[in-house]
Amino acid sequence: MVIYIYAKCSTCKDAIKFLEKQKINFTRKEITQETPSKNEFYQMLYYQKENLKKLFNTSGLLYKEMLLKDKLSTMTLEESLELLHQHGMLVKRPFLLGRNFGLTGFNEIEWLTVLNKID
């Protein structure tokens, strides 16, 4: 599994500590240096039940500066995913993709529930 994080993000740090405590193997990627691929965004979108907003860091400064709250509804899916791919700071993080699941943001109970179901 791969986890995209922003190194300065306390929630991302908590997620990494959680995965390490659970002794789960993962690959860590810094989202400002390497954004998820479009294929990974499509996978995550599937796991988030096609809720595109769950892929965006809606509380982030860049999201607000770009006025995306108003613009997202008029953008195509492809345009939205391209925007995420170009600007890692727009991506909701941590962004965790496994073989049969995807999680955005860190909620320990949710993560435990999902990770306990993997083989």
Protein backbone atom coordinates (compact mmCIF):
# COMPACT_ATOMS: atom_id res chain seq x y z
CA MET A 1 0.00 0.00 0.00
CA VAL A 2 1.05 3.56 -0.60
CA ILE A 3 0.43 6.61 1.54
CA TYR A 4 0.81 10.13 0.22
CA ILE A 5 1.59 12.62 2.97
CA TYR A 6 2.70 16.18 3.55
CA ALA A 7 5.65 15.95 5.93
CA LYS A 8 4.64 19.05 7.93
CA CYS A 9 1.07 17.83 8.45
CA SER A 10 0.38 16.61 11.99
CA THR A 11 -2.50 14.41 10.79
CA CYS A 12 -0.17 12.72 8.31
CA LYS A 13 2.37 12.16 11.09
CA ASP A 14 -0.35 10.57 13.21
CA ALA A 15 -1.33 8.30 10.33
CA ILE A 16 2.28 7.16 9.84
CA LYS A 17 2.64 6.43 13.57
CA PHE A 18 -0.62 4.48 13.46
CA LEU A 19 0.50 2.33 10.50
CA GLU A 20 3.86 1.67 12.15
CA LYS A 21 2.18 0.74 15.45
CA GLN A 22 -0.09 -1.68 13.56
CA LYS A 23 3.05 -3.13 11.89
CA ILE A 24 1.62 -2.48 8.43
CA ASN A 25 4.02 -2.27 5.50
CA PHE A 26 3.59 0.79 3.34
CA THR A 27 5.39 3.04 0.89
CA ARG A 28 5.47 6.70 1.90
CA LYS A 29 5.43 9.43 -0.76
CA GLU A 30 5.71 13.17 -0.19
CA ILE A 31 2.73 14.71 -1.97
CA THR A 32 4.55 17.96 -2.75
CA GLN A 33 7.18 16.00 -4.70
CA GLU A 34 5.09 13.21 -6.18
CA THR A 35 1.33 13.44 -6.59
CA PRO A 36 -0.89 10.40 -7.06
CA SER A 37 -1.28 9.29 -10.67
CA LYS A 38 -4.54 9.85 -12.48
CA ASN A 39 -5.16 6.11 -12.22
CA GLU A 40 -4.71 6.33 -8.44
CA PHE A 41 -7.19 9.21 -8.33
CA TYR A 42 -9.71 7.15 -10.29
CA GLN A 43 -9.19 4.24 -7.88
CA MET A 44 -9.67 6.50 -4.87
CA LEU A 45 -12.76 8.03 -6.42
CA TYR A 46 -14.21 4.54 -6.73
CA TYR A 47 -13.45 3.77 -3.07
CA GLN A 48 -14.97 7.11 -2.04
CA LYS A 49 -18.22 6.19 -3.84
CA GLU A 50 -17.62 8.75 -6.60
CA ASN A 51 -17.58 11.63 -4.08
CA LEU A 52 -15.01 13.89 -5.76
CA LYS A 53 -15.03 16.37 -2.89
CA LYS A 54 -13.47 13.70 -0.64
CA LEU A 55 -10.31 13.88 -2.76
CA PHE A 56 -9.86 17.59 -2.15
CA ASN A 57 -8.27 19.28 0.86
CA THR A 58 -11.20 21.67 1.23
CA SER A 59 -9.73 23.33 4.31
CA GLY A 60 -6.42 24.09 2.62
CA LEU A 61 -5.17 27.52 1.70
CA LEU A 62 -4.68 26.69 -2.00
CA TYR A 63 -8.24 25.34 -2.29
CA LYS A 64 -9.54 28.63 -0.89
CA GLU A 65 -7.18 30.81 -2.95
CA MET A 66 -8.29 29.08 -6.14
CA LEU A 67 -11.97 29.56 -5.18
CA LEU A 68 -12.60 25.87 -5.85
CA LYS A 69 -15.68 25.74 -3.65
CA ASP A 70 -17.50 27.61 -6.41
CA LYS A 71 -15.61 26.22 -9.41
CA LEU A 72 -15.68 22.45 -8.77
CA SER A 73 -19.33 22.06 -9.68
CA THR A 74 -18.67 23.46 -13.17
CA MET A 75 -15.50 21.47 -13.85
CA THR A 76 -15.42 18.12 -15.62
CA LEU A 77 -14.12 15.10 -13.74
CA GLU A 78 -11.03 15.07 -15.95
CA GLU A 79 -10.35 18.75 -15.22
CA SER A 80 -10.74 18.15 -11.50
CA LEU A 81 -8.40 15.17 -11.47
CA GLU A 82 -5.84 17.04 -13.55
CA LEU A 83 -5.94 19.88 -11.03
CA LEU A 84 -5.32 17.42 -8.18
CA HIS A 85 -2.49 15.81 -10.14
CA GLN A 86 -0.84 19.19 -10.79
CA HIS A 87 -1.19 20.53 -7.25
CA GLY A 88 -0.44 18.04 -4.48
CA MET A 89 -1.49 20.52 -1.82
CA LEU A 90 -5.07 20.28 -3.12
CA VAL A 91 -5.21 16.57 -2.30
CA LYS A 92 -6.90 15.43 0.91
CA ARG A 93 -4.24 13.78 3.00
CA PRO A 94 -3.15 11.43 4.10
CA PHE A 95 -4.14 9.65 0.92
CA LEU A 96 -3.85 5.89 1.49
CA LEU A 97 -4.35 3.37 -1.30
CA GLY A 98 -4.29 -0.35 -0.78
CA ARG A 99 -5.04 -3.27 -3.02
CA ASN A 100 -8.79 -3.22 -2.30
CA PHE A 101 -9.41 0.03 -0.47
CA GLY A 102 -8.70 3.73 -0.35
CA LEU A 103 -8.84 6.22 2.52
CA THR A 104 -8.47 9.98 2.63
CA GLY A 105 -7.90 11.91 5.82
CA PHE A 106 -7.07 10.07 9.03
CA ASN A 107 -9.70 8.67 11.33
CA GLU A 108 -8.20 5.96 13.54
CA ILE A 109 -11.45 4.03 14.01
CA GLU A 110 -12.22 4.05 10.29
CA TRP A 111 -8.68 3.03 9.41
CA LEU A 112 -8.71 0.19 11.98
CA THR A 113 -12.01 -1.08 10.61
CA VAL A 114 -10.80 -1.05 7.00
CA LEU A 115 -7.30 -2.38 7.71
CA ASN A 116 -8.61 -5.23 9.85
CA LYS A 117 -10.55 -6.48 6.80
CA ILE A 118 -7.50 -6.78 4.53
CA ASP A 119 -5.72 -10.06 4.12
